[in-house]
Amino acid sequence: MRADRSRLPEVGRDPGFTFPLIVRHVLQGGLQVRTAEHYTVPVVTMVVQVEGGAVADPLGSEGLAAMARSDRPPKVQGSADRERVRS
């Protein structure tokens, strides 16, 4: 069967959709969890958000997160120092 592409298809009504109920839970360790069940889609999705970085630094230890991060080596002066940090 060939499609007739010489004209646009008729515009119909949007299909109905009901947003699932979002339920809040707190686990024993204090972790806050929100669940939404939608049984028409066979997919499980998780998003984890962790409070961290400068916001989580204790008072009096501001900058601790920046010093502790491990995504970059510390800044050093001179090539001899740089080689020592890499090894």
PDB file of N, CA and C in Angstrom:
ATOM      1  N   MET A   1       0.845  -1.177   0.000  1.00  0.00           N
ATOM      2  CA  MET A   1       0.000   0.000   0.000  1.00  0.00           C
ATOM      3  C   MET A   1       0.892   1.242   0.000  1.00  0.00           C
ATOM      4  N   ARG A   2       0.652   2.131  -0.906  1.00  0.00           N
ATOM      5  CA  ARG A   2       1.445   3.347  -1.028  1.00  0.00           C
ATOM      6  C   ARG A   2       0.770   4.485  -0.276  1.00  0.00           C
ATOM      7  N   ALA A   3       1.589   5.349   0.308  1.00  0.00           N
ATOM      8  CA  ALA A   3       1.076   6.512   1.032  1.00  0.00           C
ATOM      9  C   ALA A   3       0.912   7.674   0.068  1.00  0.00           C
ATOM     10  N   ASP A   4      -0.195   8.407   0.217  1.00  0.00           N
ATOM     11  CA  ASP A   4      -0.434   9.596  -0.598  1.00  0.00           C
ATOM     12  C   ASP A   4       0.220  10.782   0.089  1.00  0.00           C
ATOM     13  N   ARG A   5       1.342  11.234  -0.445  1.00  0.00           N
ATOM     14  CA  ARG A   5       2.084  12.336   0.159  1.00  0.00           C
ATOM     15  C   ARG A   5       1.809  13.679  -0.532  1.00  0.00           C
ATOM     16  N   SER A   6       0.801  13.706  -1.347  1.00  0.00           N
ATOM     17  CA  SER A   6       0.494  14.955  -2.053  1.00  0.00           C
ATOM     18  C   SER A   6      -0.263  15.942  -1.166  1.00  0.00           C
ATOM     19  N   ARG A   7      -0.818  15.478  -0.037  1.00  0.00           N
ATOM     20  CA  ARG A   7      -1.525  16.388   0.875  1.00  0.00           C
ATOM     21  C   ARG A   7      -1.288  15.939   2.311  1.00  0.00           C
ATOM     22  N   LEU A   8      -1.432  16.895   3.234  1.00  0.00           N
ATOM     23  CA  LEU A   8      -1.230  16.605   4.647  1.00  0.00           C
ATOM     24  C   LEU A   8      -2.367  15.741   5.173  1.00  0.00           C
ATOM     25  N   PRO A   9      -2.087  14.919   6.174  1.00  0.00           N
ATOM     26  CA  PRO A   9      -3.164  14.119   6.762  1.00  0.00           C
ATOM     27  C   PRO A   9      -4.123  14.991   7.572  1.00  0.00           C
ATOM     28  N   GLU A  10      -5.314  14.484   7.792  1.00  0.00           N
ATOM     29  CA  GLU A  10      -6.311  15.197   8.592  1.00  0.00           C
ATOM     30  C   GLU A  10      -5.812  15.299  10.032  1.00  0.00           C
ATOM     31  N   VAL A  11      -6.102  16.425  10.650  1.00  0.00           N
ATOM     32  CA  VAL A  11      -5.711  16.632  12.040  1.00  0.00           C
ATOM     33  C   VAL A  11      -6.823  16.090  12.918  1.00  0.00           C
ATOM     34  N   GLY A  12      -6.440  15.199  13.829  1.00  0.00           N
ATOM     35  CA  GLY A  12      -7.426  14.622  14.742  1.00  0.00           C
ATOM     36  C   GLY A  12      -7.245  15.151  16.141  1.00  0.00           C
ATOM     37  N   ARG A  13      -7.966  14.543  17.064  1.00  0.00           N
ATOM     38  CA  ARG A  13      -7.879  14.935  18.467  1.00  0.00           C
ATOM     39  C   ARG A  13      -6.607  14.369  19.074  1.00  0.00           C
ATOM     40  N   ASP A  14      -6.057  15.093  20.029  1.00  0.00           N
ATOM     41  CA  ASP A  14      -4.903  14.581  20.767  1.00  0.00           C
ATOM     42  C   ASP A  14      -5.349  13.400  21.622  1.00  0.00           C
ATOM     43  N   PRO A  15      -4.510  12.383  21.715  1.00  0.00           N
ATOM     44  CA  PRO A  15      -4.886  11.269  22.588  1.00  0.00           C
ATOM     45  C   PRO A  15      -4.874  11.724  24.042  1.00  0.00           C
ATOM     46  N   GLY A  16      -5.738  11.155  24.833  1.00  0.00           N
ATOM     47  CA  GLY A  16      -5.819  11.523  26.242  1.00  0.00           C
ATOM     48  C   GLY A  16      -4.612  11.004  27.015  1.00  0.00           C
ATOM     49  N   PHE A  17      -4.223  11.734  28.041  1.00  0.00           N
ATOM     50  CA  PHE A  17      -3.113  11.314  28.887  1.00  0.00           C
ATOM     51  C   PHE A  17      -3.390  11.779  30.304  1.00  0.00           C
ATOM     52  N   THR A  18      -3.196  10.888  31.243  1.00  0.00           N
ATOM     53  CA  THR A  18      -3.341  11.223  32.656  1.00  0.00           C
ATOM     54  C   THR A  18      -1.980  11.057  33.311  1.00  0.00           C
ATOM     55  N   PHE A  19      -1.476  12.108  33.923  1.00  0.00           N
ATOM     56  CA  PHE A  19      -0.188  12.025  34.597  1.00  0.00           C
ATOM     57  C   PHE A  19      -0.302  11.094  35.792  1.00  0.00           C
ATOM     58  N   PRO A  20       0.717  10.267  35.999  1.00  0.00           N
ATOM     59  CA  PRO A  20       0.659   9.353  37.139  1.00  0.00           C
ATOM     60  C   PRO A  20       0.825  10.100  38.461  1.00  0.00           C
ATOM     61  N   LEU A  21       0.299   9.520  39.503  1.00  0.00           N
ATOM     62  CA  LEU A  21       0.419  10.083  40.835  1.00  0.00           C
ATOM     63  C   LEU A  21       1.859   9.935  41.313  1.00  0.00           C
ATOM     64  N   ILE A  22       2.435  10.982  41.871  1.00  0.00           N
ATOM     65  CA  ILE A  22       3.796  10.935  42.408  1.00  0.00           C
ATOM     66  C   ILE A  22       3.681  10.741  43.918  1.00  0.00           C
ATOM     67  N   VAL A  23       4.287   9.661  44.410  1.00  0.00           N
ATOM     68  CA  VAL A  23       4.212   9.316  45.824  1.00  0.00           C
ATOM     69  C   VAL A  23       5.581   9.539  46.453  1.00  0.00           C
ATOM     70  N   ARG A  24       5.610  10.175  47.618  1.00  0.00           N
ATOM     71  CA  ARG A  24       6.864  10.449  48.326  1.00  0.00           C
ATOM     72  C   ARG A  24       7.077   9.413  49.427  1.00  0.00           C
ATOM     73  N   HIS A  25       8.331   8.945  49.527  1.00  0.00           N
ATOM     74  CA  HIS A  25       8.719   7.984  50.553  1.00  0.00           C
ATOM     75  C   HIS A  25      10.002   8.486  51.203  1.00  0.00           C
ATOM     76  N   VAL A  26      10.237   8.084  52.447  1.00  0.00           N
ATOM     77  CA  VAL A  26      11.508   8.345  53.120  1.00  0.00           C
ATOM     78  C   VAL A  26      12.009   7.002  53.636  1.00  0.00           C
ATOM     79  N   LEU A  27      13.184   6.566  53.151  1.00  0.00           N
ATOM     80  CA  LEU A  27      13.749   5.297  53.574  1.00  0.00           C
ATOM     81  C   LEU A  27      14.356   5.422  54.967  1.00  0.00           C
ATOM     82  N   GLN A  28      14.703   4.276  55.567  1.00  0.00           N
ATOM     83  CA  GLN A  28      15.216   4.269  56.940  1.00  0.00           C
ATOM     84  C   GLN A  28      16.448   5.147  57.116  1.00  0.00           C
ATOM     85  N   GLY A  29      17.314   5.211  56.123  1.00  0.00           N
ATOM     86  CA  GLY A  29      18.522   6.021  56.212  1.00  0.00           C
ATOM     87  C   GLY A  29      18.279   7.496  55.958  1.00  0.00           C
ATOM     88  N   GLY A  30      17.015   7.891  55.717  1.00  0.00           N
ATOM     89  CA  GLY A  30      16.697   9.293  55.487  1.00  0.00           C
ATOM     90  C   GLY A  30      16.633   9.679  54.015  1.00  0.00           C
ATOM     91  N   LEU A  31      16.937   8.738  53.113  1.00  0.00           N
ATOM     92  CA  LEU A  31      16.895   9.029  51.679  1.00  0.00           C
ATOM     93  C   LEU A  31      15.459   9.276  51.248  1.00  0.00           C
ATOM     94  N   GLN A  32      15.237  10.403  50.584  1.00  0.00           N
ATOM     95  CA  GLN A  32      13.900  10.739  50.099  1.00  0.00           C
ATOM     96  C   GLN A  32      13.732  10.170  48.698  1.00  0.00           C
ATOM     97  N   VAL A  33      12.642   9.438  48.488  1.00  0.00           N
ATOM     98  CA  VAL A  33      12.379   8.780  47.209  1.00  0.00           C
ATOM     99  C   VAL A  33      10.996   9.192  46.725  1.00  0.00           C
ATOM    100  N   ARG A  34      10.890   9.436  45.440  1.00  0.00           N
ATOM    101  CA  ARG A  34       9.589   9.708  44.830  1.00  0.00           C
ATOM    102  C   ARG A  34       9.359   8.667  43.751  1.00  0.00           C
ATOM    103  N   THR A  35       8.170   8.086  43.742  1.00  0.00           N
ATOM    104  CA  THR A  35       7.859   7.075  42.740  1.00  0.00           C
ATOM    105  C   THR A  35       6.644   7.503  41.936  1.00  0.00           C
ATOM    106  N   ALA A  36       6.642   7.124  40.670  1.00  0.00           N
ATOM    107  CA  ALA A  36       5.493   7.346  39.795  1.00  0.00           C
ATOM    108  C   ALA A  36       5.326   6.083  38.969  1.00  0.00           C
ATOM    109  N   GLU A  37       4.181   5.454  39.086  1.00  0.00           N
ATOM    110  CA  GLU A  37       3.928   4.218  38.366  1.00  0.00           C
ATOM    111  C   GLU A  37       3.065   4.507  37.149  1.00  0.00           C
ATOM    112  N   HIS A  38       3.528   4.008  36.020  1.00  0.00           N
ATOM    113  CA  HIS A  38       2.798   4.185  34.765  1.00  0.00           C
ATOM    114  C   HIS A  38       2.906   2.858  34.033  1.00  0.00           C
ATOM    115  N   TYR A  39       1.900   2.028  34.156  1.00  0.00           N
ATOM    116  CA  TYR A  39       1.982   0.649  33.693  1.00  0.00           C
ATOM    117  C   TYR A  39       1.868   0.471  32.179  1.00  0.00           C
ATOM    118  N   THR A  40       1.530   1.514  31.439  1.00  0.00           N
ATOM    119  CA  THR A  40       1.399   1.351  29.991  1.00  0.00           C
ATOM    120  C   THR A  40       2.739   1.411  29.281  1.00  0.00           C
ATOM    121  N   VAL A  41       3.786   1.797  29.987  1.00  0.00           N
ATOM    122  CA  VAL A  41       5.120   1.885  29.393  1.00  0.00           C
ATOM    123  C   VAL A  41       6.054   0.932  30.160  1.00  0.00           C
ATOM    124  N   PRO A  42       6.632  -0.075  29.490  1.00  0.00           N
ATOM    125  CA  PRO A  42       7.485  -1.046  30.199  1.00  0.00           C
ATOM    126  C   PRO A  42       8.911  -0.532  30.403  1.00  0.00           C
ATOM    127  N   VAL A  43       9.056   0.555  31.150  1.00  0.00           N
ATOM    128  CA  VAL A  43      10.356   1.181  31.340  1.00  0.00           C
ATOM    129  C   VAL A  43      10.512   1.548  32.815  1.00  0.00           C
ATOM    130  N   VAL A  44      11.732   1.380  33.320  1.00  0.00           N
ATOM    131  CA  VAL A  44      12.058   1.848  34.660  1.00  0.00           C
ATOM    132  C   VAL A  44      13.131   2.918  34.504  1.00  0.00           C
ATOM    133  N   THR A  45      12.892   4.082  35.065  1.00  0.00           N
ATOM    134  CA  THR A  45      13.845   5.183  34.983  1.00  0.00           C
ATOM    135  C   THR A  45      14.139   5.659  36.396  1.00  0.00           C
ATOM    136  N   MET A  46      15.418   5.910  36.658  1.00  0.00           N
ATOM    137  CA  MET A  46      15.810   6.434  37.965  1.00  0.00           C
ATOM    138  C   MET A  46      16.664   7.673  37.774  1.00  0.00           C
ATOM    139  N   VAL A  47      16.427   8.661  38.593  1.00  0.00           N
ATOM    140  CA  VAL A  47      17.245   9.863  38.626  1.00  0.00           C
ATOM    141  C   VAL A  47      17.686  10.047  40.076  1.00  0.00           C
ATOM    142  N   VAL A  48      18.982  10.169  40.294  1.00  0.00           N
ATOM    143  CA  VAL A  48      19.505  10.337  41.645  1.00  0.00           C
ATOM    144  C   VAL A  48      20.118  11.727  41.743  1.00  0.00           C
ATOM    145  N   GLN A  49      19.667  12.476  42.729  1.00  0.00           N
ATOM    146  CA  GLN A  49      20.229  13.797  42.983  1.00  0.00           C
ATOM    147  C   GLN A  49      20.814  13.778  44.385  1.00  0.00           C
ATOM    148  N   VAL A  50      22.079  14.091  44.475  1.00  0.00           N
ATOM    149  CA  VAL A  50      22.770  14.073  45.751  1.00  0.00           C
ATOM    150  C   VAL A  50      23.233  15.487  46.059  1.00  0.00           C
ATOM    151  N   GLU A  51      22.907  15.941  47.266  1.00  0.00           N
ATOM    152  CA  GLU A  51      23.383  17.255  47.670  1.00  0.00           C
ATOM    153  C   GLU A  51      24.880  17.148  47.904  1.00  0.00           C
ATOM    154  N   GLY A  52      25.637  17.944  47.206  1.00  0.00           N
ATOM    155  CA  GLY A  52      27.080  17.874  47.346  1.00  0.00           C
ATOM    156  C   GLY A  52      27.720  19.163  46.890  1.00  0.00           C
ATOM    157  N   GLY A  53      29.026  19.126  46.769  1.00  0.00           N
ATOM    158  CA  GLY A  53      29.749  20.304  46.354  1.00  0.00           C
ATOM    159  C   GLY A  53      29.833  21.325  47.469  1.00  0.00           C
ATOM    160  N   ALA A  54      29.943  22.576  47.098  1.00  0.00           N
ATOM    161  CA  ALA A  54      30.152  23.643  48.075  1.00  0.00           C
ATOM    162  C   ALA A  54      28.986  23.771  49.053  1.00  0.00           C
ATOM    163  N   VAL A  55      27.784  23.410  48.627  1.00  0.00           N
ATOM    164  CA  VAL A  55      26.616  23.507  49.501  1.00  0.00           C
ATOM    165  C   VAL A  55      26.754  22.570  50.701  1.00  0.00           C
ATOM    166  N   ALA A  56      27.423  21.426  50.515  1.00  0.00           N
ATOM    167  CA  ALA A  56      27.541  20.436  51.584  1.00  0.00           C
ATOM    168  C   ALA A  56      28.767  20.655  52.469  1.00  0.00           C
ATOM    169  N   ASP A  57      29.585  21.654  52.176  1.00  0.00           N
ATOM    170  CA  ASP A  57      30.760  21.915  53.012  1.00  0.00           C
ATOM    171  C   ASP A  57      30.332  22.304  54.425  1.00  0.00           C
ATOM    172  N   PRO A  58      30.957  21.697  55.448  1.00  0.00           N
ATOM    173  CA  PRO A  58      30.626  22.089  56.823  1.00  0.00           C
ATOM    174  C   PRO A  58      31.072  23.522  57.103  1.00  0.00           C
ATOM    175  N   LEU A  59      30.355  24.181  58.007  1.00  0.00           N
ATOM    176  CA  LEU A  59      30.751  25.538  58.383  1.00  0.00           C
ATOM    177  C   LEU A  59      32.166  25.509  58.954  1.00  0.00           C
ATOM    178  N   GLY A  60      32.977  26.436  58.525  1.00  0.00           N
ATOM    179  CA  GLY A  60      34.365  26.490  58.965  1.00  0.00           C
ATOM    180  C   GLY A  60      35.306  25.715  58.056  1.00  0.00           C
ATOM    181  N   SER A  61      34.750  24.914  57.152  1.00  0.00           N
ATOM    182  CA  SER A  61      35.580  24.149  56.208  1.00  0.00           C
ATOM    183  C   SER A  61      35.172  24.450  54.775  1.00  0.00           C
ATOM    184  N   GLU A  62      34.813  25.687  54.509  1.00  0.00           N
ATOM    185  CA  GLU A  62      34.412  26.076  53.171  1.00  0.00           C
ATOM    186  C   GLU A  62      35.547  25.808  52.195  1.00  0.00           C
ATOM    187  N   GLY A  63      35.220  25.298  51.032  1.00  0.00           N
ATOM    188  CA  GLY A  63      36.230  24.978  50.030  1.00  0.00           C
ATOM    189  C   GLY A  63      36.676  23.537  50.099  1.00  0.00           C
ATOM    190  N   LEU A  64      36.179  22.763  51.043  1.00  0.00           N
ATOM    191  CA  LEU A  64      36.571  21.369  51.193  1.00  0.00           C
ATOM    192  C   LEU A  64      36.218  20.558  49.951  1.00  0.00           C
ATOM    193  N   ALA A  65      35.056  20.767  49.373  1.00  0.00           N
ATOM    194  CA  ALA A  65      34.641  20.014  48.191  1.00  0.00           C
ATOM    195  C   ALA A  65      35.578  20.280  47.014  1.00  0.00           C
ATOM    196  N   ALA A  66      35.996  21.517  46.836  1.00  0.00           N
ATOM    197  CA  ALA A  66      36.898  21.855  45.738  1.00  0.00           C
ATOM    198  C   ALA A  66      38.250  21.181  45.911  1.00  0.00           C
ATOM    199  N   MET A  67      38.717  21.099  47.160  1.00  0.00           N
ATOM    200  CA  MET A  67      40.015  20.465  47.406  1.00  0.00           C
ATOM    201  C   MET A  67      39.936  18.952  47.260  1.00  0.00           C
ATOM    202  N   ALA A  68      38.793  18.366  47.592  1.00  0.00           N
ATOM    203  CA  ALA A  68      38.662  16.910  47.614  1.00  0.00           C
ATOM    204  C   ALA A  68      38.302  16.314  46.258  1.00  0.00           C
ATOM    205  N   ARG A  69      37.844  17.119  45.324  1.00  0.00           N
ATOM    206  CA  ARG A  69      37.418  16.547  44.048  1.00  0.00           C
ATOM    207  C   ARG A  69      38.596  15.903  43.344  1.00  0.00           C
ATOM    208  N   SER A  70      38.330  14.854  42.621  1.00  0.00           N
ATOM    209  CA  SER A  70      39.416  14.084  42.015  1.00  0.00           C
ATOM    210  C   SER A  70      39.392  14.128  40.499  1.00  0.00           C
ATOM    211  N   ASP A  71      38.614  15.021  39.896  1.00  0.00           N
ATOM    212  CA  ASP A  71      38.541  15.041  38.441  1.00  0.00           C
ATOM    213  C   ASP A  71      39.743  15.733  37.798  1.00  0.00           C
ATOM    214  N   ARG A  72      40.524  16.476  38.557  1.00  0.00           N
ATOM    215  CA  ARG A  72      41.722  17.142  38.024  1.00  0.00           C
ATOM    216  C   ARG A  72      42.857  17.034  39.031  1.00  0.00           C
ATOM    217  N   PRO A  73      44.084  16.884  38.546  1.00  0.00           N
ATOM    218  CA  PRO A  73      45.202  16.905  39.494  1.00  0.00           C
ATOM    219  C   PRO A  73      45.377  18.312  40.058  1.00  0.00           C
ATOM    220  N   PRO A  74      46.026  18.442  41.200  1.00  0.00           N
ATOM    221  CA  PRO A  74      46.221  19.783  41.761  1.00  0.00           C
ATOM    222  C   PRO A  74      47.102  20.643  40.855  1.00  0.00           C
ATOM    223  N   LYS A  75      46.875  21.934  40.890  1.00  0.00           N
ATOM    224  CA  LYS A  75      47.686  22.851  40.086  1.00  0.00           C
ATOM    225  C   LYS A  75      49.051  23.007  40.752  1.00  0.00           C
ATOM    226  N   VAL A  76      50.097  22.829  39.968  1.00  0.00           N
ATOM    227  CA  VAL A  76      51.457  22.989  40.491  1.00  0.00           C
ATOM    228  C   VAL A  76      52.252  23.861  39.544  1.00  0.00           C
ATOM    229  N   GLN A  77      53.315  24.434  40.037  1.00  0.00           N
ATOM    230  CA  GLN A  77      54.188  25.294  39.240  1.00  0.00           C
ATOM    231  C   GLN A  77      55.399  24.499  38.777  1.00  0.00           C
ATOM    232  N   GLY A  78      55.786  24.679  37.541  1.00  0.00           N
ATOM    233  CA  GLY A  78      57.021  24.077  37.044  1.00  0.00           C
ATOM    234  C   GLY A  78      56.838  22.650  36.565  1.00  0.00           C
ATOM    235  N   SER A  79      57.609  22.271  35.535  1.00  0.00           N
ATOM    236  CA  SER A  79      57.451  20.945  34.935  1.00  0.00           C
ATOM    237  C   SER A  79      57.942  19.833  35.860  1.00  0.00           C
ATOM    238  N   ALA A  80      58.934  20.086  36.716  1.00  0.00           N
ATOM    239  CA  ALA A  80      59.418  19.048  37.621  1.00  0.00           C
ATOM    240  C   ALA A  80      58.327  18.663  38.606  1.00  0.00           C
ATOM    241  N   ASP A  81      57.621  19.661  39.150  1.00  0.00           N
ATOM    242  CA  ASP A  81      56.526  19.386  40.069  1.00  0.00           C
ATOM    243  C   ASP A  81      55.390  18.652  39.357  1.00  0.00           C
ATOM    244  N   ARG A  82      55.107  19.036  38.114  1.00  0.00           N
ATOM    245  CA  ARG A  82      54.018  18.430  37.351  1.00  0.00           C
ATOM    246  C   ARG A  82      54.294  16.946  37.122  1.00  0.00           C
ATOM    247  N   GLU A  83      55.518  16.583  36.799  1.00  0.00           N
ATOM    248  CA  GLU A  83      55.871  15.175  36.584  1.00  0.00           C
ATOM    249  C   GLU A  83      55.740  14.373  37.879  1.00  0.00           C
ATOM    250  N   ARG A  84      56.084  14.965  39.010  1.00  0.00           N
ATOM    251  CA  ARG A  84      55.981  14.279  40.280  1.00  0.00           C
ATOM    252  C   ARG A  84      54.510  13.977  40.614  1.00  0.00           C
ATOM    253  N   VAL A  85      53.592  14.886  40.270  1.00  0.00           N
ATOM    254  CA  VAL A  85      52.179  14.693  40.564  1.00  0.00           C
ATOM    255  C   VAL A  85      51.595  13.592  39.686  1.00  0.00           C
ATOM    256  N   ARG A  86      52.032  13.484  38.431  1.00  0.00           N
ATOM    257  CA  ARG A  86      51.477  12.485  37.508  1.00  0.00           C
ATOM    258  C   ARG A  86      51.880  11.068  37.901  1.00  0.00           C
ATOM    259  N   SER A  87      53.024  10.870  38.510  1.00  0.00           N
ATOM    260  CA  SER A  87      53.485   9.507  38.792  1.00  0.00           C
ATOM    261  C   SER A  87      52.986   8.998  40.115  1.00  0.00           C
TER     262      SER A  87
END
